[in-house]
Amino acid sequence: MSGGYDVLVLGEVLVEIHAGAALREAADGTPARISYSGDALNAAAAAAAAGARTALLAVVGDDDLSVPLLRRAAELGVDVSHVRRAPRPNGAYLLSADADGDREFVYWRTRSAGSTLSPRHVESWRELLAGSAALITSGITGALSPSSREAVAAAARLAHGAGGHLSYDPNFRPGLTGRAEARELLAELAPLTGLLKTSCPADALALVDTDDPTTAAARCRALGARTVAVTAGAGRLLLDDGTRAAYHPVPANPAPVDATGAGDCFTGTATARLALGDSLADAVAYGTAAASLSVSGRGGTGRVPSFAETAALAAAHRRATGS
């Protein structure tokens, strides 16, 4: 696979360690499970499952875990041939989640390989970015380091300037960045963004000073984003495309296990379907269906639904709701 991808995903891949107990109860001998995640890998896996030719643009480490990490990405249908290496360890995080959706995280990513992402890497991917239909990136990627922020902005400008679609998730993480820095990056990227996916109240309160999804969407559009999708808790997604702002019904998952990566799954799926020519309404319907299915698995890539499953759930949900 070479240039002309449907979807490129720029960002960080993480080693995921899933604890078998709440973190405060993780005594000596508590079992744990290793897998691979990070918002970039989660979104890329979803895009590939939705039928898009997808490549990952990332920097991974030189430790032994890089081999299974990249193998897992390839198993998920993601092209990793453009991934770069750095003489640093891969970032990692410890996760504990329960069926009610409560999650706890501990991260190790200071001076990680992923944080070395820079405009130099973006320049090496120039032809890819100029020749692909869509780019997905996030505020997490932009918050990893000053060079990562510059890389996100440079890649977004390149993709947009070539006529490509940009999907951006601010994904505000106070442990990584301050509100002022996150707001600056949002203001810089919003005018380039075809689909801005954000959360309310978490992102909205920090970045646009509201806990109301409709107001949050309007303020993001006022910054220049063409279409805004606001996740507002289980079962609620507000879509504002500039003509109207309306809630879209989200299929319920009867047996949720872990919501980690559900928002990334939505973004990856919706972006893939837009890149493949679907309407916005259809792309969002597929995105919400895929996100709902994804919470049946543990971790960010524990359950990546096939597009056949996603399409079947979206169709059934439309029939049931008359939407």
C-alpha atoms as a PDB file:
ATOM      1  CA  MET A   1       0.000   0.000   0.000  1.00  0.00           C
ATOM      2  CA  SER A   2       1.387   3.420  -0.912  1.00  0.00           C
ATOM      3  CA  GLY A   3       0.039   6.960  -1.209  1.00  0.00           C
ATOM      4  CA  GLY A   4      -3.590   7.812  -1.661  1.00  0.00           C
ATOM      5  CA  TYR A   5      -4.879   6.524   1.660  1.00  0.00           C
ATOM      6  CA  ASP A   6      -8.461   7.137   2.678  1.00  0.00           C
ATOM      7  CA  VAL A   7      -7.458   7.979   6.261  1.00  0.00           C
ATOM      8  CA  LEU A   8      -4.196   8.921   7.946  1.00  0.00           C
ATOM      9  CA  VAL A   9      -4.015   9.062  11.737  1.00  0.00           C
ATOM     10  CA  LEU A  10      -1.334  11.195  13.354  1.00  0.00           C
ATOM     11  CA  GLY A  11      -0.625  10.573  17.012  1.00  0.00           C
ATOM     12  CA  GLU A  12       0.543   8.385  19.830  1.00  0.00           C
ATOM     13  CA  VAL A  13       0.457   4.631  20.367  1.00  0.00           C
ATOM     14  CA  LEU A  14       0.596   3.376  23.940  1.00  0.00           C
ATOM     15  CA  VAL A  15       1.241   0.111  25.699  1.00  0.00           C
ATOM     16  CA  GLU A  16      -1.905  -0.594  27.708  1.00  0.00           C
ATOM     17  CA  ILE A  17      -1.740  -2.554  30.972  1.00  0.00           C
ATOM     18  CA  HIS A  18      -5.215  -3.512  32.133  1.00  0.00           C
ATOM     19  CA  ALA A  19      -5.303  -4.190  35.877  1.00  0.00           C
ATOM     20  CA  GLY A  20      -7.586  -6.887  37.237  1.00  0.00           C
ATOM     21  CA  ALA A  21      -8.640  -4.737  40.206  1.00  0.00           C
ATOM     22  CA  ALA A  22      -9.317  -1.125  41.132  1.00  0.00           C
ATOM     23  CA  LEU A  23      -5.963   0.627  41.282  1.00  0.00           C
ATOM     24  CA  ARG A  24      -6.177   1.384  44.987  1.00  0.00           C
ATOM     25  CA  GLU A  25      -6.768  -2.345  45.537  1.00  0.00           C
ATOM     26  CA  ALA A  26      -3.963  -3.524  43.237  1.00  0.00           C
ATOM     27  CA  ALA A  27      -2.049  -5.583  45.791  1.00  0.00           C
ATOM     28  CA  ASP A  28       1.064  -7.625  45.145  1.00  0.00           C
ATOM     29  CA  GLY A  29       0.092 -10.363  42.695  1.00  0.00           C
ATOM     30  CA  THR A  30      -2.874  -8.562  41.105  1.00  0.00           C
ATOM     31  CA  PRO A  31      -3.157  -9.922  37.536  1.00  0.00           C
ATOM     32  CA  ALA A  32      -2.788  -7.602  34.562  1.00  0.00           C
ATOM     33  CA  ARG A  33      -3.257  -7.885  30.801  1.00  0.00           C
ATOM     34  CA  ILE A  34      -1.081  -6.184  28.183  1.00  0.00           C
ATOM     35  CA  SER A  35      -2.627  -4.747  25.040  1.00  0.00           C
ATOM     36  CA  TYR A  36      -2.058  -1.717  22.804  1.00  0.00           C
ATOM     37  CA  SER A  37      -4.027   1.495  22.551  1.00  0.00           C
ATOM     38  CA  GLY A  38      -3.626   5.262  22.480  1.00  0.00           C
ATOM     39  CA  ASP A  39      -6.152   7.495  20.762  1.00  0.00           C
ATOM     40  CA  ALA A  40      -4.336   7.307  17.427  1.00  0.00           C
ATOM     41  CA  LEU A  41      -4.314   3.511  17.308  1.00  0.00           C
ATOM     42  CA  ASN A  42      -7.934   3.334  18.498  1.00  0.00           C
ATOM     43  CA  ALA A  43      -9.090   5.688  15.746  1.00  0.00           C
ATOM     44  CA  ALA A  44      -6.936   4.036  13.095  1.00  0.00           C
ATOM     45  CA  ALA A  45      -8.250   0.580  13.963  1.00  0.00           C
ATOM     46  CA  ALA A  46     -11.834   1.845  13.731  1.00  0.00           C
ATOM     47  CA  ALA A  47     -11.184   3.537  10.385  1.00  0.00           C
ATOM     48  CA  ALA A  48      -9.649   0.385   8.955  1.00  0.00           C
ATOM     49  CA  ALA A  49     -12.545  -1.738  10.227  1.00  0.00           C
ATOM     50  CA  ALA A  50     -14.963   0.699   8.575  1.00  0.00           C
ATOM     51  CA  GLY A  51     -13.405  -0.076   5.215  1.00  0.00           C
ATOM     52  CA  ALA A  52     -10.871   2.736   4.809  1.00  0.00           C
ATOM     53  CA  ARG A  53      -7.312   2.285   3.611  1.00  0.00           C
ATOM     54  CA  THR A  54      -5.657   3.540   6.765  1.00  0.00           C
ATOM     55  CA  ALA A  55      -2.090   4.359   7.762  1.00  0.00           C
ATOM     56  CA  LEU A  56      -0.617   5.339  11.106  1.00  0.00           C
ATOM     57  CA  LEU A  57       1.752   8.304  11.334  1.00  0.00           C
ATOM     58  CA  ALA A  58       3.541   7.934  14.656  1.00  0.00           C
ATOM     59  CA  VAL A  59       6.881   7.544  16.376  1.00  0.00           C
ATOM     60  CA  VAL A  60       7.449   4.370  18.384  1.00  0.00           C
ATOM     61  CA  GLY A  61      10.304   3.309  20.597  1.00  0.00           C
ATOM     62  CA  ASP A  62      13.245   0.982  20.250  1.00  0.00           C
ATOM     63  CA  ASP A  63      12.286  -1.296  23.131  1.00  0.00           C
ATOM     64  CA  ASP A  64      11.167  -4.894  22.709  1.00  0.00           C
ATOM     65  CA  LEU A  65       7.486  -3.983  23.052  1.00  0.00           C
ATOM     66  CA  SER A  66       7.606  -2.116  19.735  1.00  0.00           C
ATOM     67  CA  VAL A  67       7.515  -5.434  17.866  1.00  0.00           C
ATOM     68  CA  PRO A  68       4.195  -6.702  19.275  1.00  0.00           C
ATOM     69  CA  LEU A  69       2.831  -3.146  19.295  1.00  0.00           C
ATOM     70  CA  LEU A  70       3.297  -2.747  15.548  1.00  0.00           C
ATOM     71  CA  ARG A  71       2.209  -6.331  14.930  1.00  0.00           C
ATOM     72  CA  ARG A  72      -1.062  -5.619  16.720  1.00  0.00           C
ATOM     73  CA  ALA A  73      -1.646  -2.471  14.664  1.00  0.00           C
ATOM     74  CA  ALA A  74      -1.070  -4.444  11.470  1.00  0.00           C
ATOM     75  CA  GLU A  75      -3.455  -7.175  12.670  1.00  0.00           C
ATOM     76  CA  LEU A  76      -6.087  -4.446  13.032  1.00  0.00           C
ATOM     77  CA  GLY A  77      -5.672  -3.598   9.353  1.00  0.00           C
ATOM     78  CA  VAL A  78      -3.568  -0.456   9.834  1.00  0.00           C
ATOM     79  CA  ASP A  79      -0.568   0.198   7.580  1.00  0.00           C
ATOM     80  CA  VAL A  80       2.447   0.808   9.837  1.00  0.00           C
ATOM     81  CA  SER A  81       5.057   1.120   7.102  1.00  0.00           C
ATOM     82  CA  HIS A  82       5.354   4.880   7.655  1.00  0.00           C
ATOM     83  CA  VAL A  83       5.877   4.708  11.419  1.00  0.00           C
ATOM     84  CA  ARG A  84       9.195   6.196  12.572  1.00  0.00           C
ATOM     85  CA  ARG A  85      11.482   5.039  15.396  1.00  0.00           C
ATOM     86  CA  ALA A  86      13.165   6.916  18.231  1.00  0.00           C
ATOM     87  CA  PRO A  87      15.702   5.703  20.837  1.00  0.00           C
ATOM     88  CA  ARG A  88      13.192   6.166  23.643  1.00  0.00           C
ATOM     89  CA  PRO A  89      10.760   3.854  25.443  1.00  0.00           C
ATOM     90  CA  ASN A  90       7.164   3.632  24.314  1.00  0.00           C
ATOM     91  CA  GLY A  91       4.597   5.427  26.429  1.00  0.00           C
ATOM     92  CA  ALA A  92       2.398   3.233  28.609  1.00  0.00           C
ATOM     93  CA  TYR A  93      -0.593   3.444  30.895  1.00  0.00           C
ATOM     94  CA  LEU A  94      -2.228   1.362  33.578  1.00  0.00           C
ATOM     95  CA  LEU A  95      -6.004   1.110  33.338  1.00  0.00           C
ATOM     96  CA  SER A  96      -8.718  -0.165  35.602  1.00  0.00           C
ATOM     97  CA  ALA A  97     -12.368  -0.140  34.497  1.00  0.00           C
ATOM     98  CA  ASP A  98     -15.652  -1.563  35.695  1.00  0.00           C
ATOM     99  CA  ALA A  99     -18.961  -2.393  33.995  1.00  0.00           C
ATOM    100  CA  ASP A 100     -20.459   0.909  35.149  1.00  0.00           C
ATOM    101  CA  GLY A 101     -17.961   2.789  33.015  1.00  0.00           C
ATOM    102  CA  ASP A 102     -15.841   4.133  35.866  1.00  0.00           C
ATOM    103  CA  ARG A 103     -12.189   4.203  34.826  1.00  0.00           C
ATOM    104  CA  GLU A 104      -8.873   4.938  36.491  1.00  0.00           C
ATOM    105  CA  PHE A 105      -5.607   5.671  34.702  1.00  0.00           C
ATOM    106  CA  VAL A 106      -1.925   6.033  35.523  1.00  0.00           C
ATOM    107  CA  TYR A 107       0.297   7.186  32.625  1.00  0.00           C
ATOM    108  CA  TRP A 108       4.035   6.879  31.910  1.00  0.00           C
ATOM    109  CA  ARG A 109       4.830   8.969  28.844  1.00  0.00           C
ATOM    110  CA  THR A 110       7.397  11.616  29.889  1.00  0.00           C
ATOM    111  CA  ARG A 111      10.221  11.588  27.312  1.00  0.00           C
ATOM    112  CA  SER A 112       8.487   8.791  25.419  1.00  0.00           C
ATOM    113  CA  ALA A 113       9.163   7.967  21.784  1.00  0.00           C
ATOM    114  CA  GLY A 114       5.753   9.342  20.870  1.00  0.00           C
ATOM    115  CA  SER A 115       6.587  12.727  22.353  1.00  0.00           C
ATOM    116  CA  THR A 116       9.470  13.177  19.877  1.00  0.00           C
ATOM    117  CA  LEU A 117       6.967  13.663  17.017  1.00  0.00           C
ATOM    118  CA  SER A 118       8.043  16.839  15.215  1.00  0.00           C
ATOM    119  CA  PRO A 119       7.626  18.891  12.022  1.00  0.00           C
ATOM    120  CA  ARG A 120      10.608  16.959  10.649  1.00  0.00           C
ATOM    121  CA  HIS A 121       8.475  13.817  10.692  1.00  0.00           C
ATOM    122  CA  VAL A 122       5.561  15.656   9.105  1.00  0.00           C
ATOM    123  CA  GLU A 123       7.847  16.823   6.299  1.00  0.00           C
ATOM    124  CA  SER A 124       8.826  13.205   5.648  1.00  0.00           C
ATOM    125  CA  TRP A 125       5.105  12.405   5.300  1.00  0.00           C
ATOM    126  CA  ARG A 126       4.355  15.417   3.096  1.00  0.00           C
ATOM    127  CA  GLU A 127       3.346  13.427   0.003  1.00  0.00           C
ATOM    128  CA  LEU A 128       1.130  11.123   2.064  1.00  0.00           C
ATOM    129  CA  LEU A 129      -0.646  14.025   3.730  1.00  0.00           C
ATOM    130  CA  ALA A 130      -1.142  15.847   0.441  1.00  0.00           C
ATOM    131  CA  GLY A 131      -2.446  12.753  -1.339  1.00  0.00           C
ATOM    132  CA  SER A 132      -4.846  11.225   1.181  1.00  0.00           C
ATOM    133  CA  ALA A 133      -8.530  11.913   1.665  1.00  0.00           C
ATOM    134  CA  ALA A 134      -8.603  12.527   5.419  1.00  0.00           C
ATOM    135  CA  LEU A 135      -6.423  13.122   8.474  1.00  0.00           C
ATOM    136  CA  ILE A 136      -7.339  12.432  12.095  1.00  0.00           C
ATOM    137  CA  THR A 137      -5.398  13.955  14.969  1.00  0.00           C
ATOM    138  CA  SER A 138      -6.022  15.162  18.513  1.00  0.00           C
ATOM    139  CA  GLY A 139      -5.248  17.548  21.315  1.00  0.00           C
ATOM    140  CA  ILE A 140      -3.531  14.717  23.168  1.00  0.00           C
ATOM    141  CA  THR A 141      -0.985  14.471  20.370  1.00  0.00           C
ATOM    142  CA  GLY A 142      -0.534  18.230  20.408  1.00  0.00           C
ATOM    143  CA  ALA A 143       0.049  18.206  24.170  1.00  0.00           C
ATOM    144  CA  LEU A 144       2.823  15.612  24.255  1.00  0.00           C
ATOM    145  CA  SER A 145       5.613  18.144  23.681  1.00  0.00           C
ATOM    146  CA  PRO A 146       6.250  21.493  21.966  1.00  0.00           C
ATOM    147  CA  SER A 147       7.495  19.664  18.870  1.00  0.00           C
ATOM    148  CA  SER A 148       4.389  17.479  18.817  1.00  0.00           C
ATOM    149  CA  ARG A 149       2.196  20.568  18.896  1.00  0.00           C
ATOM    150  CA  GLU A 150       4.074  22.004  15.940  1.00  0.00           C
ATOM    151  CA  ALA A 151       3.725  18.679  14.130  1.00  0.00           C
ATOM    152  CA  VAL A 152      -0.038  18.555  14.625  1.00  0.00           C
ATOM    153  CA  ALA A 153      -0.464  22.092  13.311  1.00  0.00           C
ATOM    154  CA  ALA A 154       1.849  21.479  10.343  1.00  0.00           C
ATOM    155  CA  ALA A 155       0.094  18.239   9.366  1.00  0.00           C
ATOM    156  CA  ALA A 156      -3.340  19.848   9.660  1.00  0.00           C
ATOM    157  CA  ARG A 157      -2.307  22.755   7.446  1.00  0.00           C
ATOM    158  CA  LEU A 158      -0.788  20.403   4.898  1.00  0.00           C
ATOM    159  CA  ALA A 159      -3.830  18.118   4.679  1.00  0.00           C
ATOM    160  CA  HIS A 160      -6.284  21.017   4.583  1.00  0.00           C
ATOM    161  CA  GLY A 161      -4.249  22.917   2.025  1.00  0.00           C
ATOM    162  CA  ALA A 162      -4.317  19.896  -0.276  1.00  0.00           C
ATOM    163  CA  GLY A 163      -8.108  19.724  -0.061  1.00  0.00           C
ATOM    164  CA  GLY A 164      -8.262  16.878   2.454  1.00  0.00           C
ATOM    165  CA  HIS A 165     -10.699  16.456   5.329  1.00  0.00           C
ATOM    166  CA  LEU A 166      -9.455  17.013   8.895  1.00  0.00           C
ATOM    167  CA  SER A 167     -11.060  15.397  11.937  1.00  0.00           C
ATOM    168  CA  TYR A 168      -9.886  16.810  15.252  1.00  0.00           C
ATOM    169  CA  ASP A 169     -10.677  15.811  18.833  1.00  0.00           C
ATOM    170  CA  PRO A 170      -9.421  18.337  21.435  1.00  0.00           C
ATOM    171  CA  ASN A 171      -9.466  15.531  24.045  1.00  0.00           C
ATOM    172  CA  PHE A 172      -8.376  17.886  26.820  1.00  0.00           C
ATOM    173  CA  ARG A 173      -6.161  16.216  29.427  1.00  0.00           C
ATOM    174  CA  PRO A 174      -5.237  18.553  32.317  1.00  0.00           C
ATOM    175  CA  GLY A 175      -2.383  16.235  33.274  1.00  0.00           C
ATOM    176  CA  LEU A 176      -0.763  16.917  29.899  1.00  0.00           C
ATOM    177  CA  THR A 177      -1.507  20.546  29.137  1.00  0.00           C
ATOM    178  CA  GLY A 178      -3.044  23.741  30.470  1.00  0.00           C
ATOM    179  CA  ARG A 179      -6.350  25.213  29.356  1.00  0.00           C
ATOM    180  CA  ALA A 180      -4.709  28.189  27.665  1.00  0.00           C
ATOM    181  CA  GLU A 181      -2.472  26.001  25.508  1.00  0.00           C
ATOM    182  CA  ALA A 182      -5.356  23.673  24.591  1.00  0.00           C
ATOM    183  CA  ARG A 183      -7.557  26.638  23.668  1.00  0.00           C
ATOM    184  CA  GLU A 184      -4.830  28.087  21.467  1.00  0.00           C
ATOM    185  CA  LEU A 185      -4.449  24.834  19.557  1.00  0.00           C
ATOM    186  CA  LEU A 186      -8.224  24.483  19.183  1.00  0.00           C
ATOM    187  CA  ALA A 187      -8.478  28.033  17.830  1.00  0.00           C
ATOM    188  CA  GLU A 188      -5.662  27.333  15.365  1.00  0.00           C
ATOM    189  CA  LEU A 189      -7.087  24.062  14.065  1.00  0.00           C
ATOM    190  CA  ALA A 190     -10.837  24.696  14.146  1.00  0.00           C
ATOM    191  CA  PRO A 191     -10.882  26.698  10.872  1.00  0.00           C
ATOM    192  CA  LEU A 192      -9.181  23.735   9.138  1.00  0.00           C
ATOM    193  CA  THR A 193     -11.498  21.109  10.595  1.00  0.00           C
ATOM    194  CA  GLY A 194     -14.271  19.319   8.725  1.00  0.00           C
ATOM    195  CA  LEU A 195     -15.361  17.289  11.778  1.00  0.00           C
ATOM    196  CA  LEU A 196     -14.589  18.416  15.306  1.00  0.00           C
ATOM    197  CA  LYS A 197     -15.520  15.789  17.871  1.00  0.00           C
ATOM    198  CA  THR A 198     -15.582  16.999  21.468  1.00  0.00           C
ATOM    199  CA  SER A 199     -17.086  16.036  24.811  1.00  0.00           C
ATOM    200  CA  CYS A 200     -19.389  17.841  27.198  1.00  0.00           C
ATOM    201  CA  PRO A 201     -18.902  18.733  29.954  1.00  0.00           C
ATOM    202  CA  ALA A 202     -15.216  17.686  30.104  1.00  0.00           C
ATOM    203  CA  ASP A 203     -13.794  19.391  26.995  1.00  0.00           C
ATOM    204  CA  ALA A 204     -16.522  22.006  26.746  1.00  0.00           C
ATOM    205  CA  LEU A 205     -16.057  23.467  30.220  1.00  0.00           C
ATOM    206  CA  ALA A 206     -12.297  23.672  29.855  1.00  0.00           C
ATOM    207  CA  LEU A 207     -12.146  24.956  26.286  1.00  0.00           C
ATOM    208  CA  VAL A 208     -15.322  26.912  25.519  1.00  0.00           C
ATOM    209  CA  ASP A 209     -16.656  27.723  29.015  1.00  0.00           C
ATOM    210  CA  THR A 210     -19.979  25.874  28.954  1.00  0.00           C
ATOM    211  CA  ASP A 211     -21.565  22.639  30.128  1.00  0.00           C
ATOM    212  CA  ASP A 212     -24.369  22.868  27.567  1.00  0.00           C
ATOM    213  CA  PRO A 213     -23.806  20.708  24.452  1.00  0.00           C
ATOM    214  CA  THR A 214     -25.704  23.030  22.097  1.00  0.00           C
ATOM    215  CA  THR A 215     -23.737  26.056  23.251  1.00  0.00           C
ATOM    216  CA  ALA A 216     -20.487  24.090  23.076  1.00  0.00           C
ATOM    217  CA  ALA A 217     -21.177  23.107  19.466  1.00  0.00           C
ATOM    218  CA  ALA A 218     -22.080  26.680  18.505  1.00  0.00           C
ATOM    219  CA  ARG A 219     -18.905  28.052  20.089  1.00  0.00           C
ATOM    220  CA  CYS A 220     -16.745  25.478  18.300  1.00  0.00           C
ATOM    221  CA  ARG A 221     -18.401  26.364  15.011  1.00  0.00           C
ATOM    222  CA  ALA A 222     -17.806  30.029  15.749  1.00  0.00           C
ATOM    223  CA  LEU A 223     -14.095  29.185  15.926  1.00  0.00           C
ATOM    224  CA  GLY A 224     -14.374  27.894  12.358  1.00  0.00           C
ATOM    225  CA  ALA A 225     -15.128  24.172  12.560  1.00  0.00           C
ATOM    226  CA  ARG A 226     -17.456  23.109   9.743  1.00  0.00           C
ATOM    227  CA  THR A 227     -19.250  20.321  11.638  1.00  0.00           C
ATOM    228  CA  VAL A 228     -19.182  19.610  15.383  1.00  0.00           C
ATOM    229  CA  ALA A 229     -20.142  16.376  17.138  1.00  0.00           C
ATOM    230  CA  VAL A 230     -20.543  16.621  20.901  1.00  0.00           C
ATOM    231  CA  THR A 231     -20.692  13.494  23.029  1.00  0.00           C
ATOM    232  CA  ALA A 232     -22.698  14.264  26.132  1.00  0.00           C
ATOM    233  CA  GLY A 233     -22.802  11.099  28.197  1.00  0.00           C
ATOM    234  CA  ALA A 234     -24.077   7.640  27.332  1.00  0.00           C
ATOM    235  CA  GLY A 235     -26.661   7.683  24.585  1.00  0.00           C
ATOM    236  CA  ARG A 236     -26.369  11.370  23.680  1.00  0.00           C
ATOM    237  CA  LEU A 237     -24.629  12.856  20.669  1.00  0.00           C
ATOM    238  CA  LEU A 238     -25.331  16.357  19.402  1.00  0.00           C
ATOM    239  CA  LEU A 239     -24.473  17.158  15.797  1.00  0.00           C
ATOM    240  CA  ASP A 240     -24.236  20.737  14.523  1.00  0.00           C
ATOM    241  CA  ASP A 241     -23.466  21.101  10.812  1.00  0.00           C
ATOM    242  CA  GLY A 242     -24.300  24.781  10.576  1.00  0.00           C
ATOM    243  CA  THR A 243     -27.829  24.239   9.296  1.00  0.00           C
ATOM    244  CA  ARG A 244     -29.221  22.766  12.499  1.00  0.00           C
ATOM    245  CA  ALA A 245     -28.098  21.355  15.829  1.00  0.00           C
ATOM    246  CA  ALA A 246     -29.855  18.136  16.799  1.00  0.00           C
ATOM    247  CA  TYR A 247     -29.386  15.157  19.067  1.00  0.00           C
ATOM    248  CA  HIS A 248     -28.855  11.847  17.325  1.00  0.00           C
ATOM    249  CA  PRO A 249     -29.987   8.651  19.043  1.00  0.00           C
ATOM    250  CA  VAL A 250     -27.142   6.348  20.025  1.00  0.00           C
ATOM    251  CA  PRO A 251     -27.670   2.570  20.163  1.00  0.00           C
ATOM    252  CA  ALA A 252     -27.483   1.251  23.701  1.00  0.00           C
ATOM    253  CA  ASN A 253     -25.035  -1.541  24.521  1.00  0.00           C
ATOM    254  CA  PRO A 254     -26.816  -4.044  26.795  1.00  0.00           C
ATOM    255  CA  ALA A 255     -23.566  -5.408  28.232  1.00  0.00           C
ATOM    256  CA  PRO A 256     -20.971  -2.630  28.529  1.00  0.00           C
ATOM    257  CA  VAL A 257     -17.523  -3.610  29.763  1.00  0.00           C
ATOM    258  CA  ASP A 258     -15.211  -0.630  29.224  1.00  0.00           C
ATOM    259  CA  ALA A 259     -15.772   2.688  27.439  1.00  0.00           C
ATOM    260  CA  THR A 260     -12.066   3.322  26.835  1.00  0.00           C
ATOM    261  CA  GLY A 261     -11.588   4.417  23.218  1.00  0.00           C
ATOM    262  CA  ALA A 262     -15.296   4.707  22.368  1.00  0.00           C
ATOM    263  CA  GLY A 263     -14.926   8.333  21.302  1.00  0.00           C
ATOM    264  CA  ASP A 264     -11.908   7.427  19.163  1.00  0.00           C
ATOM    265  CA  CYS A 265     -13.932   4.614  17.594  1.00  0.00           C
ATOM    266  CA  PHE A 266     -16.654   7.116  16.683  1.00  0.00           C
ATOM    267  CA  THR A 267     -14.153   9.522  15.129  1.00  0.00           C
ATOM    268  CA  GLY A 268     -12.304   6.824  13.218  1.00  0.00           C
ATOM    269  CA  THR A 269     -15.472   5.255  11.861  1.00  0.00           C
ATOM    270  CA  ALA A 270     -17.231   8.500  10.938  1.00  0.00           C
ATOM    271  CA  THR A 271     -14.110   9.901   9.268  1.00  0.00           C
ATOM    272  CA  ALA A 272     -13.596   6.697   7.291  1.00  0.00           C
ATOM    273  CA  ARG A 273     -17.145   6.702   5.997  1.00  0.00           C
ATOM    274  CA  LEU A 274     -16.932  10.392   5.047  1.00  0.00           C
ATOM    275  CA  ALA A 275     -13.689   9.682   3.182  1.00  0.00           C
ATOM    276  CA  LEU A 276     -15.420   6.812   1.382  1.00  0.00           C
ATOM    277  CA  GLY A 277     -18.219   9.117   0.228  1.00  0.00           C
ATOM    278  CA  ASP A 278     -21.026   8.546   2.723  1.00  0.00           C
ATOM    279  CA  SER A 279     -23.290  11.383   3.759  1.00  0.00           C
ATOM    280  CA  LEU A 280     -22.693  13.088   7.089  1.00  0.00           C
ATOM    281  CA  ALA A 281     -25.882  11.555   8.527  1.00  0.00           C
ATOM    282  CA  ASP A 282     -24.835   8.045   7.521  1.00  0.00           C
ATOM    283  CA  ALA A 283     -21.257   8.512   8.691  1.00  0.00           C
ATOM    284  CA  VAL A 284     -22.458   9.678  12.113  1.00  0.00           C
ATOM    285  CA  ALA A 285     -24.930   6.791  12.361  1.00  0.00           C
ATOM    286  CA  TYR A 286     -22.138   4.321  11.626  1.00  0.00           C
ATOM    287  CA  GLY A 287     -19.838   6.104  14.067  1.00  0.00           C
ATOM    288  CA  THR A 288     -22.296   5.917  16.948  1.00  0.00           C
ATOM    289  CA  ALA A 289     -23.069   2.256  16.201  1.00  0.00           C
ATOM    290  CA  ALA A 290     -19.393   1.312  16.126  1.00  0.00           C
ATOM    291  CA  ALA A 291     -18.712   3.223  19.350  1.00  0.00           C
ATOM    292  CA  SER A 292     -21.592   1.428  21.060  1.00  0.00           C
ATOM    293  CA  LEU A 293     -20.294  -1.979  19.983  1.00  0.00           C
ATOM    294  CA  SER A 294     -16.746  -1.093  21.054  1.00  0.00           C
ATOM    295  CA  VAL A 295     -17.610  -0.825  24.746  1.00  0.00           C
ATOM    296  CA  SER A 296     -18.121  -4.605  24.884  1.00  0.00           C
ATOM    297  CA  GLY A 297     -14.346  -5.073  24.949  1.00  0.00           C
ATOM    298  CA  ARG A 298     -11.621  -4.215  27.438  1.00  0.00           C
ATOM    299  CA  GLY A 299      -9.197  -1.471  26.510  1.00  0.00           C
ATOM    300  CA  GLY A 300      -8.971   0.845  23.556  1.00  0.00           C
ATOM    301  CA  THR A 301      -8.756  -1.869  20.902  1.00  0.00           C
ATOM    302  CA  GLY A 302     -10.294  -4.765  22.800  1.00  0.00           C
ATOM    303  CA  ARG A 303     -13.412  -4.723  20.625  1.00  0.00           C
ATOM    304  CA  VAL A 304     -13.139  -3.272  17.136  1.00  0.00           C
ATOM    305  CA  PRO A 305     -16.386  -4.139  15.331  1.00  0.00           C
ATOM    306  CA  SER A 306     -16.388  -5.118  11.684  1.00  0.00           C
ATOM    307  CA  PHE A 307     -18.226  -2.795   9.331  1.00  0.00           C
ATOM    308  CA  ALA A 308     -20.824  -5.516   8.725  1.00  0.00           C
ATOM    309  CA  GLU A 309     -21.649  -5.486  12.447  1.00  0.00           C
ATOM    310  CA  THR A 310     -21.624  -1.702  12.558  1.00  0.00           C
ATOM    311  CA  ALA A 311     -23.893  -1.330   9.517  1.00  0.00           C
ATOM    312  CA  ALA A 312     -26.320  -3.940  10.826  1.00  0.00           C
ATOM    313  CA  LEU A 313     -26.652  -2.195  14.199  1.00  0.00           C
ATOM    314  CA  ALA A 314     -27.030   1.217  12.569  1.00  0.00           C
ATOM    315  CA  ALA A 315     -29.801  -0.094  10.298  1.00  0.00           C
ATOM    316  CA  ALA A 316     -31.620  -1.816  13.144  1.00  0.00           C
ATOM    317  CA  HIS A 317     -31.377   1.279  15.311  1.00  0.00           C
ATOM    318  CA  ARG A 318     -32.773   3.468  12.541  1.00  0.00           C
ATOM    319  CA  ARG A 319     -35.711   1.134  12.077  1.00  0.00           C
ATOM    320  CA  ALA A 320     -36.378   1.081  15.816  1.00  0.00           C
ATOM    321  CA  THR A 321     -36.199   4.859  16.248  1.00  0.00           C
ATOM    322  CA  GLY A 322     -37.564   5.947  12.898  1.00  0.00           C
ATOM    323  CA  SER A 323     -34.544   8.208  12.415  1.00  0.00           C
END
